[in-house]
Amino acid sequence: MSQAILAKVEQTSIKENPPKFEIGDTVDVHLRILEGNKERIQVFTGVVIAMSGSGSKEMFTVRRIVAGEGVERKFPLHSPRIEKVEVKRSGVVRRAKLYFLRDRVGKAVRLKERRRS
């Protein structure tokens, strides 16, 4: 009984057509930021290294290098703050989680590009 109620409540917060991307893709996450009474869009670009959760609790982790330091950020997939997720390029991967990229530096971080037809 309570599971059915939770599922109904969860259904209201799920986006109708969520963005389509996979692990290993380089994406631009357009995020709505509130500063005082003004609103602006901030873009976070990086490689999707992990996806977790399901339903309204689905999250994805994006990693990028800023000034020589690795920066990772987790985003809720169905958040109303996310304007859009734009796929820049697709990488060839054989893992569900790309945590091994944390130990790599420089050109070793690059992934082979997947050709789409």
C-alpha atoms as a PDB file:
ATOM      1  CA  MET A   1       0.000   0.000   0.000  1.00  0.00           C
ATOM      2  CA  SER A   2       2.661   2.544   1.007  1.00  0.00           C
ATOM      3  CA  GLN A   3       4.812   1.566  -1.996  1.00  0.00           C
ATOM      4  CA  ALA A   4       1.967   2.513  -4.343  1.00  0.00           C
ATOM      5  CA  ILE A   5       1.599   5.904  -2.641  1.00  0.00           C
ATOM      6  CA  LEU A   6       5.343   6.534  -2.860  1.00  0.00           C
ATOM      7  CA  ALA A   7       5.338   5.587  -6.553  1.00  0.00           C
ATOM      8  CA  LYS A   8       2.528   8.082  -7.268  1.00  0.00           C
ATOM      9  CA  VAL A   9       4.302  10.893  -5.425  1.00  0.00           C
ATOM     10  CA  GLU A  10       7.563  10.052  -7.182  1.00  0.00           C
ATOM     11  CA  GLN A  11       5.853  10.060 -10.590  1.00  0.00           C
ATOM     12  CA  THR A  12       4.979  13.770 -10.255  1.00  0.00           C
ATOM     13  CA  SER A  13       8.641  14.795  -9.992  1.00  0.00           C
ATOM     14  CA  ILE A  14       9.948  12.700 -12.913  1.00  0.00           C
ATOM     15  CA  LYS A  15      10.608  14.535 -16.188  1.00  0.00           C
ATOM     16  CA  GLU A  16       8.550  13.353 -19.161  1.00  0.00           C
ATOM     17  CA  ASN A  17      11.493  13.016 -21.539  1.00  0.00           C
ATOM     18  CA  PRO A  18      14.773  13.062 -19.605  1.00  0.00           C
ATOM     19  CA  PRO A  19      18.022  13.716 -21.514  1.00  0.00           C
ATOM     20  CA  LYS A  20      19.565  10.710 -23.280  1.00  0.00           C
ATOM     21  CA  PHE A  21      23.263  10.140 -22.598  1.00  0.00           C
ATOM     22  CA  GLU A  22      25.522   7.303 -21.485  1.00  0.00           C
ATOM     23  CA  ILE A  23      28.551   6.777 -19.303  1.00  0.00           C
ATOM     24  CA  GLY A  24      31.687   7.966 -21.081  1.00  0.00           C
ATOM     25  CA  ASP A  25      29.906  10.798 -22.904  1.00  0.00           C
ATOM     26  CA  THR A  26      31.273  14.329 -22.685  1.00  0.00           C
ATOM     27  CA  VAL A  27      28.309  16.524 -21.773  1.00  0.00           C
ATOM     28  CA  ASP A  28      27.388  20.143 -21.128  1.00  0.00           C
ATOM     29  CA  VAL A  29      25.057  20.384 -18.137  1.00  0.00           C
ATOM     30  CA  HIS A  30      23.097  23.662 -18.288  1.00  0.00           C
ATOM     31  CA  LEU A  31      22.184  24.466 -14.691  1.00  0.00           C
ATOM     32  CA  ARG A  32      19.909  27.275 -13.465  1.00  0.00           C
ATOM     33  CA  ILE A  33      21.641  29.333 -10.755  1.00  0.00           C
ATOM     34  CA  LEU A  34      19.872  31.869  -8.528  1.00  0.00           C
ATOM     35  CA  GLU A  35      21.972  34.845  -7.425  1.00  0.00           C
ATOM     36  CA  GLY A  36      19.915  37.183  -5.297  1.00  0.00           C
ATOM     37  CA  ASN A  37      16.807  37.875  -7.350  1.00  0.00           C
ATOM     38  CA  LYS A  38      18.494  37.183 -10.697  1.00  0.00           C
ATOM     39  CA  GLU A  39      18.630  33.835 -12.461  1.00  0.00           C
ATOM     40  CA  ARG A  40      21.296  32.709 -14.903  1.00  0.00           C
ATOM     41  CA  ILE A  41      22.435  29.546 -16.674  1.00  0.00           C
ATOM     42  CA  GLN A  42      25.793  28.025 -15.722  1.00  0.00           C
ATOM     43  CA  VAL A  43      27.354  25.340 -17.939  1.00  0.00           C
ATOM     44  CA  PHE A  44      29.359  22.482 -16.395  1.00  0.00           C
ATOM     45  CA  THR A  45      31.260  20.498 -19.036  1.00  0.00           C
ATOM     46  CA  GLY A  46      32.827  17.117 -18.351  1.00  0.00           C
ATOM     47  CA  VAL A  47      32.767  13.344 -18.753  1.00  0.00           C
ATOM     48  CA  VAL A  48      29.940  11.288 -17.241  1.00  0.00           C
ATOM     49  CA  ILE A  49      31.767   8.788 -15.003  1.00  0.00           C
ATOM     50  CA  ALA A  50      28.845   7.231 -13.108  1.00  0.00           C
ATOM     51  CA  MET A  51      25.081   6.894 -12.928  1.00  0.00           C
ATOM     52  CA  SER A  52      23.225   5.682  -9.866  1.00  0.00           C
ATOM     53  CA  GLY A  53      19.757   5.359  -8.427  1.00  0.00           C
ATOM     54  CA  SER A  54      16.433   4.920 -10.154  1.00  0.00           C
ATOM     55  CA  GLY A  55      13.180   6.803 -10.549  1.00  0.00           C
ATOM     56  CA  SER A  56      13.200  10.316  -9.157  1.00  0.00           C
ATOM     57  CA  LYS A  57      16.405   9.565  -7.221  1.00  0.00           C
ATOM     58  CA  GLU A  58      18.497   8.937 -10.350  1.00  0.00           C
ATOM     59  CA  MET A  59      21.845  10.773 -10.245  1.00  0.00           C
ATOM     60  CA  PHE A  60      24.798  11.174 -12.588  1.00  0.00           C
ATOM     61  CA  THR A  61      28.371  12.239 -11.858  1.00  0.00           C
ATOM     62  CA  VAL A  62      30.329  14.517 -14.192  1.00  0.00           C
ATOM     63  CA  ARG A  63      34.104  14.943 -13.915  1.00  0.00           C
ATOM     64  CA  ARG A  64      36.313  17.638 -15.402  1.00  0.00           C
ATOM     65  CA  ILE A  65      39.784  19.075 -14.862  1.00  0.00           C
ATOM     66  CA  VAL A  66      39.999  22.696 -13.677  1.00  0.00           C
ATOM     67  CA  ALA A  67      43.449  24.293 -13.229  1.00  0.00           C
ATOM     68  CA  GLY A  68      45.087  20.868 -12.927  1.00  0.00           C
ATOM     69  CA  GLU A  69      42.642  19.633 -10.284  1.00  0.00           C
ATOM     70  CA  GLY A  70      39.891  17.097 -10.864  1.00  0.00           C
ATOM     71  CA  VAL A  71      36.399  18.366 -10.048  1.00  0.00           C
ATOM     72  CA  GLU A  72      33.427  16.000  -9.788  1.00  0.00           C
ATOM     73  CA  ARG A  73      29.839  17.058  -9.430  1.00  0.00           C
ATOM     74  CA  LYS A  74      26.714  14.952  -8.918  1.00  0.00           C
ATOM     75  CA  PHE A  75      23.457  16.045 -10.508  1.00  0.00           C
ATOM     76  CA  PRO A  76      19.938  14.689  -9.999  1.00  0.00           C
ATOM     77  CA  LEU A  77      18.681  13.696 -13.464  1.00  0.00           C
ATOM     78  CA  HIS A  78      15.093  14.853 -12.862  1.00  0.00           C
ATOM     79  CA  SER A  79      15.940  18.142 -11.131  1.00  0.00           C
ATOM     80  CA  PRO A  80      13.980  21.205 -12.299  1.00  0.00           C
ATOM     81  CA  ARG A  81      17.221  23.212 -11.942  1.00  0.00           C
ATOM     82  CA  ILE A  82      18.768  21.331 -14.878  1.00  0.00           C
ATOM     83  CA  GLU A  83      17.796  23.186 -18.041  1.00  0.00           C
ATOM     84  CA  LYS A  84      19.272  20.670 -20.476  1.00  0.00           C
ATOM     85  CA  VAL A  85      22.075  18.143 -20.913  1.00  0.00           C
ATOM     86  CA  GLU A  86      23.853  18.436 -24.247  1.00  0.00           C
ATOM     87  CA  VAL A  87      26.033  15.559 -25.491  1.00  0.00           C
ATOM     88  CA  LYS A  88      29.254  16.878 -27.059  1.00  0.00           C
ATOM     89  CA  ARG A  89      30.915  13.550 -27.853  1.00  0.00           C
ATOM     90  CA  SER A  90      30.499   9.884 -26.990  1.00  0.00           C
ATOM     91  CA  GLY A  91      33.291   7.761 -25.576  1.00  0.00           C
ATOM     92  CA  VAL A  92      33.895   4.046 -25.983  1.00  0.00           C
ATOM     93  CA  VAL A  93      33.789   2.449 -22.513  1.00  0.00           C
ATOM     94  CA  ARG A  94      33.565  -1.085 -21.158  1.00  0.00           C
ATOM     95  CA  ARG A  95      32.701  -0.234 -17.568  1.00  0.00           C
ATOM     96  CA  ALA A  96      29.633   1.024 -15.722  1.00  0.00           C
ATOM     97  CA  LYS A  97      31.714   3.278 -13.456  1.00  0.00           C
ATOM     98  CA  LEU A  98      34.777   5.157 -14.731  1.00  0.00           C
ATOM     99  CA  TYR A  99      36.410   5.784 -11.361  1.00  0.00           C
ATOM    100  CA  PHE A 100      39.767   4.707 -12.808  1.00  0.00           C
ATOM    101  CA  LEU A 101      39.926   8.103 -14.565  1.00  0.00           C
ATOM    102  CA  ARG A 102      40.590   9.704 -11.164  1.00  0.00           C
ATOM    103  CA  ASP A 103      44.099   8.226 -11.101  1.00  0.00           C
ATOM    104  CA  ARG A 104      44.975   9.293 -14.645  1.00  0.00           C
ATOM    105  CA  VAL A 105      46.654  12.527 -15.695  1.00  0.00           C
ATOM    106  CA  GLY A 106      46.961  14.379 -19.000  1.00  0.00           C
ATOM    107  CA  LYS A 107      46.337  12.521 -22.251  1.00  0.00           C
ATOM    108  CA  ALA A 108      45.635   9.263 -20.407  1.00  0.00           C
ATOM    109  CA  VAL A 109      42.273  10.695 -19.311  1.00  0.00           C
ATOM    110  CA  ARG A 110      40.969  10.846 -22.901  1.00  0.00           C
ATOM    111  CA  LEU A 111      38.511   8.211 -24.081  1.00  0.00           C
ATOM    112  CA  LYS A 112      38.230   6.830 -27.614  1.00  0.00           C
ATOM    113  CA  GLU A 113      35.375   8.446 -29.504  1.00  0.00           C
ATOM    114  CA  ARG A 114      32.369   6.353 -30.471  1.00  0.00           C
ATOM    115  CA  ARG A 115      31.332   6.803 -34.106  1.00  0.00           C
ATOM    116  CA  ARG A 116      27.612   7.203 -34.578  1.00  0.00           C
ATOM    117  CA  SER A 117      25.911   6.706 -37.896  1.00  0.00           C
END
